[in-house]
N, C-alpha and C. Protein backbone atom coordinates (compact mmCIF):
# COMPACT_ATOMS: atom_id res chain seq x y z
N MET A 1 107.21 86.99 72.17
CA MET A 1 106.29 88.76 72.49
C MET A 1 105.87 88.73 74.30
N LYS A 2 105.67 90.10 74.52
CA LYS A 2 106.00 90.20 76.17
C LYS A 2 104.20 90.06 76.08
N ALA A 3 104.21 89.60 77.22
CA ALA A 3 102.25 90.06 77.95
C ALA A 3 102.30 91.23 78.39
N SER A 4 101.23 91.91 77.82
CA SER A 4 100.59 93.59 78.71
C SER A 4 99.99 92.90 79.95
N SER A 5 99.98 94.14 80.46
CA SER A 5 99.21 93.77 82.12
C SER A 5 97.92 94.68 81.52
N LYS A 6 96.49 94.16 82.61
CA LYS A 6 94.96 94.41 81.79
C LYS A 6 95.45 96.44 81.99
N TYR A 7 95.83 96.90 82.88
CA TYR A 7 96.25 98.28 82.67
C TYR A 7 97.17 98.72 81.80
N GLN A 8 97.56 98.43 81.58
CA GLN A 8 99.57 98.41 80.70
C GLN A 8 100.21 99.02 81.61
N ASN A 9 100.33 98.81 83.12
CA ASN A 9 101.53 98.40 83.95
C ASN A 9 102.53 97.88 83.59
N GLU A 10 103.73 98.71 84.08
CA GLU A 10 105.38 97.98 83.55
C GLU A 10 105.74 97.56 85.34
N LYS A 11 105.56 95.47 84.82
CA LYS A 11 106.20 95.50 86.09
C LYS A 11 107.84 95.97 86.62
N THR A 12 107.90 96.67 87.95
CA THR A 12 109.31 97.32 87.85
C THR A 12 110.01 96.64 89.76
N VAL A 13 111.21 96.23 88.97
CA VAL A 13 111.68 95.72 90.48
C VAL A 13 112.78 96.73 91.18
N VAL A 14 112.61 96.76 92.27
CA VAL A 14 113.26 98.00 93.49
C VAL A 14 113.90 97.06 94.40
N ASP A 15 115.11 96.89 94.88
CA ASP A 15 115.98 96.52 96.10
C ASP A 15 114.95 95.18 96.17
N GLY A 16 115.06 94.44 94.94
CA GLY A 16 114.70 92.87 94.44
C GLY A 16 113.21 92.83 94.93
N ILE A 17 112.63 94.19 95.26
CA ILE A 17 111.23 93.97 95.54
C ILE A 17 110.33 94.16 93.96
N THR A 18 109.24 92.60 93.61
CA THR A 18 109.10 93.40 92.39
C THR A 18 107.23 94.17 92.60
N PHE A 19 107.21 95.25 91.45
CA PHE A 19 106.20 96.39 91.87
C PHE A 19 105.38 95.83 90.98
N ASP A 20 103.63 96.15 90.90
CA ASP A 20 103.27 96.05 89.79
C ASP A 20 103.10 97.12 88.95
N SER A 21 103.76 98.23 89.08
CA SER A 21 103.86 99.82 88.48
C SER A 21 105.33 100.49 88.34
N LYS A 22 106.03 100.84 87.60
CA LYS A 22 106.60 101.93 87.81
C LYS A 22 106.32 103.04 89.07
N LYS A 23 104.30 103.77 89.16
CA LYS A 23 103.95 104.42 89.77
C LYS A 23 104.71 104.07 91.35
N GLU A 24 104.49 102.77 91.64
CA GLU A 24 104.06 102.30 92.53
C GLU A 24 105.71 101.68 92.90
N ALA A 25 106.83 101.53 92.13
CA ALA A 25 108.03 101.35 92.17
C ALA A 25 108.66 102.28 92.74
N LYS A 26 108.30 103.65 92.26
CA LYS A 26 108.70 104.88 92.53
C LYS A 26 108.30 105.25 93.88
N ARG A 27 106.56 105.23 94.02
CA ARG A 27 106.59 105.64 95.73
C ARG A 27 107.00 104.92 96.72
N TYR A 28 107.30 103.70 96.60
CA TYR A 28 108.58 103.06 97.48
C TYR A 28 109.21 103.75 97.67
N GLY A 29 110.40 104.18 96.81
CA GLY A 29 111.69 104.98 97.05
C GLY A 29 111.16 106.11 97.62
N GLU A 30 110.20 106.67 96.87
CA GLU A 30 110.09 108.18 98.11
C GLU A 30 109.53 107.51 99.52
N LEU A 31 108.58 106.75 100.47
CA LEU A 31 108.45 106.22 101.38
C LEU A 31 109.51 105.83 102.05
N THR A 32 110.99 105.24 101.23
CA THR A 32 111.62 104.79 102.16
C THR A 32 112.65 105.78 102.35
N LEU A 33 112.70 106.41 101.64
CA LEU A 33 113.61 107.77 101.75
C LEU A 33 112.51 108.86 103.19
N LEU A 34 111.39 108.65 103.62
CA LEU A 34 110.90 109.38 104.45
C LEU A 34 111.01 108.59 105.79
N GLU A 35 111.18 106.96 105.55
CA GLU A 35 111.50 106.14 106.72
C GLU A 35 113.34 106.46 107.19
N GLN A 36 113.89 106.70 106.73
CA GLN A 36 115.24 106.96 107.16
C GLN A 36 115.45 108.32 107.37
N ALA A 37 114.19 109.42 107.07
CA ALA A 37 114.61 110.92 107.77
C ALA A 37 113.80 110.90 108.79
N GLY A 38 113.00 109.65 109.29
CA GLY A 38 112.18 109.58 110.28
C GLY A 38 110.68 110.39 110.19
N VAL A 39 110.40 110.80 109.05
CA VAL A 39 109.05 111.27 108.84
C VAL A 39 108.13 110.00 109.27
N ILE A 40 108.28 108.83 108.35
CA ILE A 40 107.69 107.71 108.96
C ILE A 40 108.17 106.50 109.71
N ARG A 41 107.45 106.11 109.89
CA ARG A 41 107.97 104.10 110.71
C ARG A 41 107.41 103.34 110.32
N HIS A 42 108.01 101.89 110.35
CA HIS A 42 107.51 100.71 110.13
C HIS A 42 106.14 100.65 108.63
N LEU A 43 107.10 100.71 107.92
CA LEU A 43 106.89 100.61 106.03
C LEU A 43 106.58 99.05 106.13
N GLU A 44 104.92 99.47 106.07
CA GLU A 44 105.38 97.62 104.96
C GLU A 44 104.97 97.45 103.80
N LEU A 45 104.84 96.41 103.27
CA LEU A 45 103.99 96.23 101.85
C LEU A 45 103.34 95.46 101.68
N GLN A 46 102.28 96.03 100.69
CA GLN A 46 101.12 94.85 100.83
C GLN A 46 100.18 94.40 102.21
N PRO A 47 100.14 95.06 102.94
CA PRO A 47 98.83 94.89 104.22
C PRO A 47 97.63 94.28 103.58
N LYS A 48 97.07 93.78 104.56
CA LYS A 48 95.96 93.17 104.28
C LYS A 48 94.55 93.28 105.64
N VAL A 49 93.76 93.46 105.20
CA VAL A 49 92.41 93.71 105.71
C VAL A 49 91.53 93.25 105.68
N LYS A 50 91.05 92.63 106.44
CA LYS A 50 89.85 91.94 106.24
C LYS A 50 88.83 92.78 106.53
N LEU A 51 87.36 92.82 106.08
CA LEU A 51 86.67 93.80 105.61
C LEU A 51 85.46 93.26 106.89
N GLU A 52 85.25 94.23 107.70
CA GLU A 52 83.90 93.90 108.67
C GLU A 52 83.46 95.06 108.52
N VAL A 53 82.25 95.01 109.56
CA VAL A 53 81.12 96.12 109.49
C VAL A 53 80.47 95.66 110.14
N GLY A 54 80.35 96.94 111.90
CA GLY A 54 79.25 96.37 112.52
C GLY A 54 79.08 95.34 113.10
N GLY A 55 80.70 94.25 113.32
CA GLY A 55 80.57 93.00 113.60
C GLY A 55 80.55 92.12 112.97
N ILE A 56 80.16 92.69 111.48
CA ILE A 56 79.65 91.85 110.35
C ILE A 56 80.85 91.63 109.72
N LYS A 57 81.29 90.39 108.82
CA LYS A 57 82.48 89.90 108.45
C LYS A 57 81.86 89.76 106.58
N ILE A 58 82.39 90.64 105.96
CA ILE A 58 82.30 90.53 104.50
C ILE A 58 82.78 89.42 103.89
N ARG A 59 81.90 88.73 103.17
CA ARG A 59 82.05 87.32 102.81
C ARG A 59 81.80 87.23 101.44
N TYR A 60 82.62 86.89 100.14
CA TYR A 60 82.09 86.62 99.09
C TYR A 60 81.07 85.65 99.33
N GLY A 61 80.05 84.87 97.39
CA GLY A 61 79.48 83.68 97.91
C GLY A 61 79.64 82.12 98.32
N THR A 62 81.48 82.55 98.20
CA THR A 62 82.19 80.76 98.43
C THR A 62 82.42 80.88 100.28
N GLY A 63 81.95 82.16 100.87
CA GLY A 63 82.06 81.84 102.45
C GLY A 63 83.49 83.06 102.82
N HIS A 64 84.55 82.58 101.69
CA HIS A 64 85.73 83.23 102.15
C HIS A 64 85.07 84.82 102.40
N GLN A 65 86.24 85.73 103.57
CA GLN A 65 85.85 86.54 103.88
C GLN A 65 87.11 87.66 103.27
N VAL A 66 86.00 88.56 102.69
CA VAL A 66 87.10 89.76 101.64
C VAL A 66 88.29 90.22 102.46
N ARG A 67 89.03 90.27 101.79
CA ARG A 67 90.48 91.00 101.99
C ARG A 67 90.83 92.64 101.17
N TYR A 68 90.85 93.06 101.87
CA TYR A 68 91.71 94.42 100.80
C TYR A 68 93.16 94.58 100.92
N TYR A 69 94.01 94.31 100.05
CA TYR A 69 95.05 94.46 99.77
C TYR A 69 95.97 95.76 99.65
N GLY A 70 96.48 96.90 100.58
CA GLY A 70 97.08 97.72 100.26
C GLY A 70 98.10 98.04 99.53
N ASP A 71 98.77 99.04 99.02
CA ASP A 71 100.08 98.57 98.95
C ASP A 71 101.04 99.11 99.70
N PHE A 72 100.95 100.20 100.46
CA PHE A 72 102.06 100.36 101.73
C PHE A 72 100.50 100.71 103.23
N ARG A 73 101.68 100.32 103.80
CA ARG A 73 100.97 101.09 105.30
C ARG A 73 102.34 101.40 106.00
N TYR A 74 101.82 102.21 106.78
CA TYR A 74 103.41 102.78 107.69
C TYR A 74 102.62 103.99 108.43
N TYR A 75 103.18 104.09 109.50
CA TYR A 75 102.99 105.10 110.57
C TYR A 75 103.69 106.28 110.65
N ASP A 76 102.52 107.69 110.71
CA ASP A 76 102.53 109.01 109.92
C ASP A 76 102.95 109.88 111.50
N VAL A 77 104.39 109.57 111.84
CA VAL A 77 104.72 110.44 113.00
C VAL A 77 103.98 112.21 113.06
N ASP A 78 103.99 112.68 112.08
CA ASP A 78 103.19 114.15 112.57
C ASP A 78 101.65 113.64 112.76
N LYS A 79 101.11 113.22 112.00
CA LYS A 79 99.49 112.21 112.20
C LYS A 79 98.99 111.75 113.60
N GLY A 80 100.62 111.06 113.69
CA GLY A 80 100.26 109.93 114.97
C GLY A 80 99.52 109.03 114.84
N ARG A 81 99.81 108.23 113.50
CA ARG A 81 98.42 107.06 113.67
C ARG A 81 98.74 106.52 112.34
N TYR A 82 98.63 105.42 111.69
CA TYR A 82 98.98 104.47 110.62
C TYR A 82 98.15 104.74 109.52
N VAL A 83 98.69 104.48 108.20
CA VAL A 83 98.07 105.69 107.02
C VAL A 83 98.53 104.17 106.21
N ILE A 84 97.09 103.62 105.32
CA ILE A 84 96.86 103.02 104.28
C ILE A 84 97.17 103.34 103.00
N GLU A 85 98.14 102.88 101.79
CA GLU A 85 98.33 103.91 100.78
C GLU A 85 98.07 103.22 99.71
N ASP A 86 97.47 103.37 98.57
CA ASP A 86 97.06 102.81 97.15
C ASP A 86 97.59 103.46 96.33
N THR A 87 98.50 102.68 95.36
CA THR A 87 99.04 103.62 93.84
C THR A 87 98.08 103.63 93.13
N LYS A 88 97.20 104.04 92.61
CA LYS A 88 95.95 104.04 91.84
C LYS A 88 96.28 105.10 90.16
N GLY A 89 96.00 104.02 89.40
CA GLY A 89 96.34 105.02 87.71
C GLY A 89 94.83 104.95 87.64
N TYR A 90 94.04 103.62 87.85
CA TYR A 90 92.78 103.11 87.52
C TYR A 90 91.78 102.65 88.48
N LYS A 91 90.62 103.38 88.96
CA LYS A 91 90.09 102.69 90.15
C LYS A 91 88.75 101.40 89.47
N THR A 92 89.14 100.85 89.97
CA THR A 92 88.34 99.63 89.26
C THR A 92 86.63 99.76 90.69
N ARG A 93 85.79 99.08 90.25
CA ARG A 93 84.21 99.32 90.92
C ARG A 93 84.67 98.04 92.22
N ASP A 94 85.32 97.29 92.14
CA ASP A 94 85.67 96.34 93.19
C ASP A 94 86.78 97.31 94.27
N TYR A 95 87.73 98.29 94.00
CA TYR A 95 88.56 99.07 94.80
C TYR A 95 87.27 100.00 95.54
N ARG A 96 86.61 100.49 94.36
CA ARG A 96 85.62 101.55 94.95
C ARG A 96 84.86 101.19 96.24
N LEU A 97 84.56 99.91 95.70
CA LEU A 97 83.57 99.48 96.79
C LEU A 97 84.47 99.03 98.32
N LYS A 98 85.59 98.50 97.82
CA LYS A 98 86.05 98.02 98.74
C LYS A 98 86.82 99.34 100.20
N LYS A 99 86.98 100.59 99.61
CA LYS A 99 87.73 101.86 100.19
C LYS A 99 86.44 102.56 100.59
N ALA A 100 85.00 102.37 100.18
CA ALA A 100 83.52 102.74 100.91
C ALA A 100 83.58 101.59 102.31
N ILE A 101 83.91 100.48 102.24
CA ILE A 101 83.83 99.92 103.29
C ILE A 101 84.67 99.97 104.54
N LEU A 102 85.78 100.53 103.82
CA LEU A 102 87.08 100.61 104.72
C LEU A 102 86.53 102.02 105.77
N ARG A 103 86.23 102.79 104.34
CA ARG A 103 85.89 104.01 105.20
C ARG A 103 84.89 103.95 106.61
N ALA A 104 83.84 103.00 106.41
CA ALA A 104 82.75 102.82 107.16
C ALA A 104 83.52 101.48 108.12
N MET A 105 84.69 101.30 108.48
CA MET A 105 85.59 100.81 109.17
C MET A 105 86.15 101.47 109.93
N GLY A 106 86.17 103.02 109.54
CA GLY A 106 87.39 104.31 110.22
C GLY A 106 88.41 104.13 109.60
N ILE A 107 89.25 103.09 108.50
CA ILE A 107 89.77 103.28 107.68
C ILE A 107 90.27 104.30 106.31
N GLU A 108 90.59 105.36 106.09
CA GLU A 108 91.21 105.94 105.43
C GLU A 108 92.05 105.27 104.08
N ILE A 109 92.01 105.91 102.69
CA ILE A 109 92.97 105.32 102.06
C ILE A 109 93.89 106.74 101.47
N ILE A 110 95.00 106.52 101.59
CA ILE A 110 95.15 107.82 100.45
C ILE A 110 95.46 107.16 99.62
N GLU A 111 95.43 107.78 98.34
CA GLU A 111 95.84 107.26 97.08
C GLU A 111 96.85 107.97 96.49
N SER A 112 98.08 107.65 96.13
CA SER A 112 99.24 108.04 95.79
C SER A 112 99.49 107.94 94.19
């Protein structure tokens, strides 16, 4: 019997890369086409951002610094800046909190 994921997502493989959902895999395909067309550049998967506000590192009770892992980061040529995207179906409390901290850091997340 196949184990189901917590949010009923189905892992999907594209270009040898395993994505957590069909939606994320589809967005990857769209972004690779945009990169080939020159609309975006420097497409990254699973970018990691350490959370810090006002010079204070946000830490777990264990002392480890809290990190946010997005689905994609890329340079948007039209906007002239880097963008972090997250493919969301369900927004957990943890995600909403990290998104708010990132906003305080000056980083906006685009949800696709």
